[in-house]
Amino acid sequence: MSLNNGTARQGHKLLGLPETAFAGFPPAEMQLAGELAAIRAELAALREALQPPRSIIITGPEVERVLVAMKGSK
């Protein structure tokens, strides 16, 4: 059962508020733009973090295998 007696809510008119943003809050478009900018920045940071390293440090048994391979190729 509806409690609005057949009236439909249109924006903030039933509350007597203007269609602009609430005091202290930016308009919805500005909020979305800010959220998108934050997501883009986070994606850029994640892409950078997932880049393979530019140099590789070889340790342990790998060292011998690589040295043998290097000597064999000369």
N, C-alpha and C. Protein backbone atom coordinates (compact mmCIF):
# COMPACT_ATOMS: atom_id res chain seq x y z
N MET A 1 0.84 -1.17 0.00
CA MET A 1 0.00 0.00 0.00
C MET A 1 0.90 1.24 0.00
N SER A 2 0.57 2.17 -0.84
CA SER A 2 1.37 3.38 -0.98
C SER A 2 1.01 4.38 0.11
N LEU A 3 2.02 5.02 0.66
CA LEU A 3 1.80 6.02 1.70
C LEU A 3 1.80 7.44 1.15
N ASN A 4 1.94 7.58 -0.16
CA ASN A 4 2.03 8.94 -0.70
C ASN A 4 0.70 9.44 -1.26
N ASN A 5 -0.39 8.75 -1.00
CA ASN A 5 -1.74 9.17 -1.41
C ASN A 5 -1.84 9.47 -2.90
N GLY A 6 -1.17 8.66 -3.72
CA GLY A 6 -1.27 8.83 -5.16
C GLY A 6 -0.35 9.85 -5.76
N THR A 7 0.42 10.55 -4.96
CA THR A 7 1.35 11.53 -5.52
C THR A 7 2.67 10.84 -5.82
N ALA A 8 3.25 11.19 -6.92
CA ALA A 8 4.54 10.61 -7.30
C ALA A 8 5.65 11.55 -6.87
N ARG A 9 6.72 10.99 -6.41
CA ARG A 9 7.87 11.81 -5.99
C ARG A 9 8.60 12.27 -7.23
N GLN A 10 8.78 13.55 -7.37
CA GLN A 10 9.51 14.11 -8.50
C GLN A 10 10.68 14.91 -7.95
N GLY A 11 11.83 14.35 -8.05
CA GLY A 11 13.01 15.03 -7.52
C GLY A 11 12.86 15.27 -6.04
N HIS A 12 13.06 16.51 -5.61
CA HIS A 12 12.96 16.86 -4.20
C HIS A 12 11.74 17.75 -3.94
N LYS A 13 10.82 17.80 -4.89
CA LYS A 13 9.69 18.73 -4.78
C LYS A 13 8.80 18.42 -3.59
N LEU A 14 8.59 17.15 -3.31
CA LEU A 14 7.74 16.81 -2.17
C LEU A 14 8.38 17.22 -0.85
N LEU A 15 9.69 17.26 -0.84
CA LEU A 15 10.39 17.65 0.38
C LEU A 15 10.58 19.17 0.45
N GLY A 16 10.24 19.86 -0.61
CA GLY A 16 10.41 21.29 -0.64
C GLY A 16 11.84 21.73 -0.86
N LEU A 17 12.65 20.82 -1.37
CA LEU A 17 14.07 21.13 -1.61
C LEU A 17 14.28 21.48 -3.07
N PRO A 18 15.25 22.31 -3.37
CA PRO A 18 15.53 22.63 -4.77
C PRO A 18 16.14 21.43 -5.49
N GLU A 19 16.10 21.47 -6.80
CA GLU A 19 16.65 20.38 -7.60
C GLU A 19 18.18 20.38 -7.61
N THR A 20 18.80 21.39 -7.05
CA THR A 20 20.26 21.46 -7.01
C THR A 20 20.79 20.53 -5.93
N ALA A 21 22.08 20.46 -5.82
CA ALA A 21 22.72 19.56 -4.85
C ALA A 21 22.42 20.00 -3.42
N PHE A 22 22.47 19.04 -2.53
CA PHE A 22 22.30 19.35 -1.11
C PHE A 22 23.46 20.21 -0.64
N ALA A 23 23.22 21.03 0.34
CA ALA A 23 24.27 21.90 0.86
C ALA A 23 25.45 21.07 1.33
N GLY A 24 26.62 21.41 0.88
CA GLY A 24 27.83 20.70 1.29
C GLY A 24 28.20 19.55 0.38
N PHE A 25 27.30 19.17 -0.55
CA PHE A 25 27.59 18.07 -1.46
C PHE A 25 27.63 18.60 -2.88
N PRO A 26 28.61 18.14 -3.66
CA PRO A 26 28.65 18.59 -5.06
C PRO A 26 27.52 17.93 -5.85
N PRO A 27 27.18 18.47 -7.01
CA PRO A 27 26.17 17.84 -7.85
C PRO A 27 26.57 16.42 -8.22
N ALA A 28 25.60 15.61 -8.57
CA ALA A 28 25.86 14.20 -8.89
C ALA A 28 26.89 14.05 -10.00
N GLU A 29 26.84 14.94 -11.00
CA GLU A 29 27.80 14.85 -12.10
C GLU A 29 29.22 15.05 -11.60
N MET A 30 29.39 15.97 -10.66
CA MET A 30 30.72 16.22 -10.10
C MET A 30 31.18 15.04 -9.26
N GLN A 31 30.26 14.44 -8.52
CA GLN A 31 30.62 13.27 -7.71
C GLN A 31 31.07 12.13 -8.62
N LEU A 32 30.32 11.90 -9.71
CA LEU A 32 30.68 10.83 -10.64
C LEU A 32 32.02 11.11 -11.30
N ALA A 33 32.26 12.36 -11.67
CA ALA A 33 33.53 12.71 -12.29
C ALA A 33 34.69 12.46 -11.32
N GLY A 34 34.49 12.79 -10.06
CA GLY A 34 35.52 12.55 -9.06
C GLY A 34 35.78 11.07 -8.84
N GLU A 35 34.69 10.29 -8.81
CA GLU A 35 34.84 8.84 -8.64
C GLU A 35 35.55 8.22 -9.84
N LEU A 36 35.20 8.66 -11.05
CA LEU A 36 35.87 8.15 -12.24
C LEU A 36 37.35 8.51 -12.25
N ALA A 37 37.68 9.71 -11.84
CA ALA A 37 39.08 10.12 -11.78
C ALA A 37 39.85 9.26 -10.78
N ALA A 38 39.24 8.96 -9.65
CA ALA A 38 39.89 8.11 -8.65
C ALA A 38 40.08 6.69 -9.18
N ILE A 39 39.09 6.18 -9.90
CA ILE A 39 39.20 4.83 -10.48
C ILE A 39 40.31 4.79 -11.53
N ARG A 40 40.37 5.84 -12.36
CA ARG A 40 41.42 5.90 -13.38
C ARG A 40 42.81 5.93 -12.75
N ALA A 41 42.95 6.69 -11.68
CA ALA A 41 44.25 6.76 -10.99
C ALA A 41 44.61 5.41 -10.38
N GLU A 42 43.62 4.74 -9.81
CA GLU A 42 43.88 3.42 -9.22
C GLU A 42 44.26 2.41 -10.30
N LEU A 43 43.58 2.46 -11.44
CA LEU A 43 43.93 1.56 -12.54
C LEU A 43 45.34 1.81 -13.05
N ALA A 44 45.71 3.07 -13.15
CA ALA A 44 47.07 3.40 -13.60
C ALA A 44 48.10 2.86 -12.63
N ALA A 45 47.83 2.98 -11.33
CA ALA A 45 48.77 2.46 -10.32
C ALA A 45 48.84 0.94 -10.39
N LEU A 46 47.71 0.29 -10.61
CA LEU A 46 47.71 -1.17 -10.72
C LEU A 46 48.46 -1.63 -11.96
N ARG A 47 48.27 -0.94 -13.08
CA ARG A 47 49.00 -1.30 -14.30
C ARG A 47 50.50 -1.16 -14.09
N GLU A 48 50.89 -0.09 -13.43
CA GLU A 48 52.31 0.12 -13.18
C GLU A 48 52.87 -0.97 -12.26
N ALA A 49 52.10 -1.35 -11.25
CA ALA A 49 52.55 -2.37 -10.31
C ALA A 49 52.66 -3.74 -10.98
N LEU A 50 51.87 -3.97 -12.01
CA LEU A 50 51.87 -5.27 -12.67
C LEU A 50 52.89 -5.39 -13.80
N GLN A 51 53.61 -4.32 -14.08
CA GLN A 51 54.64 -4.36 -15.12
C GLN A 51 55.76 -5.31 -14.67
N PRO A 52 56.27 -6.11 -15.60
CA PRO A 52 57.38 -7.00 -15.22
C PRO A 52 58.60 -6.18 -14.85
N PRO A 53 59.44 -6.73 -13.98
CA PRO A 53 60.65 -6.01 -13.58
C PRO A 53 61.58 -5.81 -14.78
N ARG A 54 62.36 -4.76 -14.73
CA ARG A 54 63.28 -4.46 -15.84
C ARG A 54 64.58 -5.24 -15.71
N SER A 55 64.87 -5.74 -14.54
CA SER A 55 66.07 -6.56 -14.36
C SER A 55 65.69 -7.75 -13.49
N ILE A 56 66.42 -8.82 -13.68
CA ILE A 56 66.12 -10.04 -12.94
C ILE A 56 67.38 -10.45 -12.17
N ILE A 57 67.22 -10.79 -10.92
CA ILE A 57 68.33 -11.28 -10.10
C ILE A 57 68.20 -12.79 -10.03
N ILE A 58 69.24 -13.46 -10.45
CA ILE A 58 69.23 -14.92 -10.46
C ILE A 58 70.04 -15.41 -9.27
N THR A 59 69.44 -16.32 -8.50
CA THR A 59 70.12 -16.84 -7.31
C THR A 59 70.03 -18.37 -7.29
N GLY A 60 70.85 -18.95 -6.44
CA GLY A 60 70.79 -20.39 -6.21
C GLY A 60 71.21 -21.21 -7.41
N PRO A 61 70.57 -22.36 -7.61
CA PRO A 61 70.93 -23.28 -8.71
C PRO A 61 70.75 -22.65 -10.09
N GLU A 62 69.94 -21.65 -10.18
CA GLU A 62 69.73 -20.98 -11.46
C GLU A 62 71.03 -20.34 -11.97
N VAL A 63 71.87 -19.88 -11.04
CA VAL A 63 73.12 -19.21 -11.42
C VAL A 63 73.99 -20.16 -12.23
N GLU A 64 74.15 -21.37 -11.74
CA GLU A 64 75.00 -22.34 -12.45
C GLU A 64 74.43 -22.67 -13.82
N ARG A 65 73.13 -22.85 -13.91
CA ARG A 65 72.50 -23.19 -15.19
C ARG A 65 72.70 -22.05 -16.19
N VAL A 66 72.55 -20.82 -15.75
CA VAL A 66 72.70 -19.66 -16.64
C VAL A 66 74.15 -19.51 -17.06
N LEU A 67 75.09 -19.68 -16.11
CA LEU A 67 76.51 -19.57 -16.47
C LEU A 67 76.91 -20.61 -17.47
N VAL A 68 76.45 -21.86 -17.28
CA VAL A 68 76.77 -22.93 -18.23
C VAL A 68 76.20 -22.59 -19.59
N ALA A 69 74.97 -22.07 -19.63
CA ALA A 69 74.34 -21.72 -20.90
C ALA A 69 75.10 -20.58 -21.57
N MET A 70 75.60 -19.62 -20.78
CA MET A 70 76.33 -18.49 -21.35
C MET A 70 77.68 -18.94 -21.91
N LYS A 71 78.37 -19.84 -21.19
CA LYS A 71 79.66 -20.31 -21.65
C LYS A 71 79.52 -21.16 -22.90
N GLY A 72 78.43 -21.91 -22.97
CA GLY A 72 78.20 -22.79 -24.12
C GLY A 72 77.86 -22.01 -25.39
N SER A 73 77.33 -20.80 -25.25
CA SER A 73 76.93 -20.04 -26.42
C SER A 73 78.07 -19.25 -27.03
N LYS A 74 79.25 -19.20 -26.35
CA LYS A 74 80.40 -18.43 -26.87
C LYS A 74 81.24 -19.24 -27.77
